[in-house]
Amino acid sequence: MERMSGPYFIRGSVSLPEAELMWRFSRSSGPGGQHVNTSDSQVELRFDLGRTEALPEVWKARALERLASRLVGGVVTVRASEHRSQWRNREAAAVRLTALLAEATAPPPKPRRATKIPRGINERRLREKKARAETKRGRAGRDW
């Protein structure tokens, strides 16, 4: 059998260690043929976010906070069953998990700095507004 195409990099040089990934396989739901009742193609990938040493502490805290609603006992779970092959479902689950962790560990966006509207822009807007009002006023009241 082929090797997994790991390691799965989250961001930079930080990757998911293969030893900390827990895989579970079961039968996928949905229609199929004779093969469907014998193959365990659905993949469930679990990663213990609470106990991992692979992530820097800051990232770990950020991920635990952002993924709190998805965690069960500090473990994040991802399922994949869209492909017929277990191999492709394993790849899909791993990619989904790395994307989820990359998003959860991303630094918060920089706060927006409030800026003042330049006086010239505001004056131009008011000038154009007046001109438009004048045009409309010129159209009204004409009794042909």
Protein backbone atom coordinates (compact mmCIF):
# COMPACT_ATOMS: atom_id res chain seq x y z
CA MET A 1 0.00 0.00 0.00
CA GLU A 2 1.14 3.59 -0.69
CA ARG A 3 2.36 5.91 2.04
CA MET A 4 0.28 8.88 3.18
CA SER A 5 1.29 12.11 1.54
CA GLY A 6 2.13 13.72 4.89
CA PRO A 7 3.37 15.60 6.78
CA TYR A 8 0.44 17.98 6.84
CA PHE A 9 1.67 21.53 7.34
CA ILE A 10 -0.58 23.96 9.18
CA ARG A 11 1.43 27.12 8.63
CA GLY A 12 5.14 27.71 8.18
CA SER A 13 7.10 24.76 9.48
CA VAL A 14 4.43 23.61 11.99
CA SER A 15 2.90 20.30 10.94
CA LEU A 16 0.56 17.66 12.33
CA PRO A 17 2.54 14.67 13.66
CA GLU A 18 1.26 11.38 12.22
CA ALA A 19 1.53 9.77 15.69
CA GLU A 20 -1.08 12.19 17.14
CA LEU A 21 -3.68 11.58 14.43
CA MET A 22 -6.36 9.01 15.28
CA TRP A 23 -8.11 7.43 12.29
CA ARG A 24 -11.42 5.55 12.32
CA PHE A 25 -13.07 3.93 9.32
CA SER A 26 -16.68 2.97 8.77
CA ARG A 27 -19.13 2.35 5.97
CA SER A 28 -20.26 5.42 4.09
CA SER A 29 -23.94 6.17 3.82
CA GLY A 30 -25.75 6.61 0.55
CA PRO A 31 -26.24 4.55 -2.58
CA GLY A 32 -23.69 2.09 -3.85
CA GLY A 33 -23.27 -1.24 -5.52
CA GLN A 34 -22.12 -4.65 -4.39
CA HIS A 35 -18.91 -3.12 -3.07
CA VAL A 36 -20.67 -0.75 -0.64
CA ASN A 37 -21.46 -3.29 2.07
CA THR A 38 -17.89 -4.53 2.34
CA SER A 39 -15.72 -1.41 2.26
CA ASP A 40 -15.09 0.97 5.12
CA SER A 41 -14.53 4.09 3.05
CA GLN A 42 -15.83 6.79 5.43
CA VAL A 43 -12.98 8.33 7.40
CA GLU A 44 -13.12 10.01 10.79
CA LEU A 45 -9.95 11.84 11.75
CA ARG A 46 -9.46 12.91 15.35
CA PHE A 47 -6.77 15.20 16.76
CA ASP A 48 -6.28 15.84 20.48
CA LEU A 49 -5.84 19.59 20.50
CA GLY A 50 -5.79 19.77 24.30
CA ARG A 51 -2.77 17.47 24.72
CA THR A 52 -0.73 18.10 21.60
CA GLU A 53 2.87 19.27 21.82
CA ALA A 54 3.12 19.96 18.08
CA LEU A 55 1.59 23.44 18.23
CA PRO A 56 3.18 26.49 19.89
CA GLU A 57 1.38 27.40 23.14
CA VAL A 58 -0.03 30.67 21.71
CA TRP A 59 -1.51 28.85 18.70
CA LYS A 60 -2.87 26.09 20.90
CA ALA A 61 -4.65 28.55 23.22
CA ARG A 62 -6.07 30.44 20.22
CA ALA A 63 -7.31 27.22 18.59
CA LEU A 64 -8.86 25.92 21.82
CA GLU A 65 -10.74 29.19 22.22
CA ARG A 66 -11.94 29.45 18.61
CA LEU A 67 -12.87 25.78 18.20
CA ALA A 68 -14.49 25.44 21.65
CA SER A 69 -17.90 24.62 20.15
CA ARG A 70 -16.42 21.81 17.99
CA LEU A 71 -14.29 20.17 20.65
CA VAL A 72 -15.31 17.14 22.68
CA GLY A 73 -12.90 16.69 25.56
CA GLY A 74 -10.23 18.74 23.77
CA VAL A 75 -10.45 16.55 20.65
CA VAL A 76 -11.39 17.95 17.25
CA THR A 77 -13.04 15.53 14.80
CA VAL A 78 -13.28 15.75 11.00
CA ARG A 79 -15.25 13.38 8.76
CA ALA A 80 -14.89 12.67 5.05
CA SER A 81 -17.06 10.35 2.98
CA GLU A 82 -17.46 12.12 -0.37
CA HIS A 83 -15.09 9.79 -2.27
CA ARG A 84 -15.57 6.11 -2.94
CA SER A 85 -12.01 5.29 -2.01
CA GLN A 86 -10.84 5.25 1.59
CA TRP A 87 -7.48 6.62 0.46
CA ARG A 88 -9.01 9.77 -1.06
CA ASN A 89 -11.26 10.22 1.97
CA ARG A 90 -8.18 10.04 4.22
CA GLU A 91 -6.53 12.76 2.14
CA ALA A 92 -9.69 14.91 2.22
CA ALA A 93 -10.04 14.56 6.00
CA ALA A 94 -6.39 15.46 6.60
CA VAL A 95 -6.58 18.49 4.32
CA ARG A 96 -9.81 19.60 6.02
CA LEU A 97 -8.23 19.27 9.47
CA THR A 98 -5.11 21.24 8.51
CA ALA A 99 -7.26 23.99 6.97
CA LEU A 100 -9.42 24.12 10.10
CA LEU A 101 -6.37 24.38 12.37
CA ALA A 102 -4.68 26.94 10.11
CA GLU A 103 -7.77 29.15 10.33
CA ALA A 104 -8.16 28.64 14.08
CA THR A 105 -4.51 29.44 14.85
CA ALA A 106 -4.28 32.51 12.60
CA PRO A 107 -3.41 35.73 14.39
CA PRO A 108 -6.31 38.13 14.93
CA PRO A 109 -6.65 40.85 12.27
CA LYS A 110 -5.11 44.21 13.01
CA PRO A 111 -7.66 46.68 14.39
CA ARG A 112 -8.89 49.29 11.93
CA ARG A 113 -7.46 52.73 12.48
CA ALA A 114 -10.14 55.38 12.27
CA THR A 115 -9.23 58.04 9.74
CA LYS A 116 -10.76 61.44 9.14
CA ILE A 117 -12.36 62.18 5.76
CA PRO A 118 -10.25 64.84 4.00
CA ARG A 119 -11.94 68.24 3.86
CA GLY A 120 -11.58 68.49 0.06
CA ILE A 121 -13.46 65.25 -0.53
CA ASN A 122 -16.31 66.31 1.73
CA GLU A 123 -16.54 69.75 0.07
CA ARG A 124 -16.59 68.16 -3.41
CA ARG A 125 -19.40 65.81 -2.34
CA LEU A 126 -21.48 68.75 -1.05
CA ARG A 127 -20.78 70.76 -4.24
CA GLU A 128 -21.94 67.88 -6.46
CA LYS A 129 -24.97 67.39 -4.25
CA LYS A 130 -25.93 71.06 -4.61
CA ALA A 131 -25.46 70.93 -8.38
CA ARG A 132 -27.71 67.87 -8.63
CA ALA A 133 -30.38 69.58 -6.47
CA GLU A 134 -30.18 72.63 -8.74
CA THR A 135 -30.67 70.46 -11.84
CA LYS A 136 -33.74 68.85 -10.32
CA ARG A 137 -35.14 72.17 -9.14
CA GLY A 138 -34.81 73.46 -12.69
CA ARG A 139 -37.00 70.62 -13.96
CA ALA A 140 -39.88 71.27 -11.55
CA GLY A 141 -42.50 74.01 -11.83
CA ARG A 142 -42.42 74.37 -15.60
CA ASP A 143 -45.89 74.70 -16.95
CA TRP A 144 -45.55 74.08 -20.68
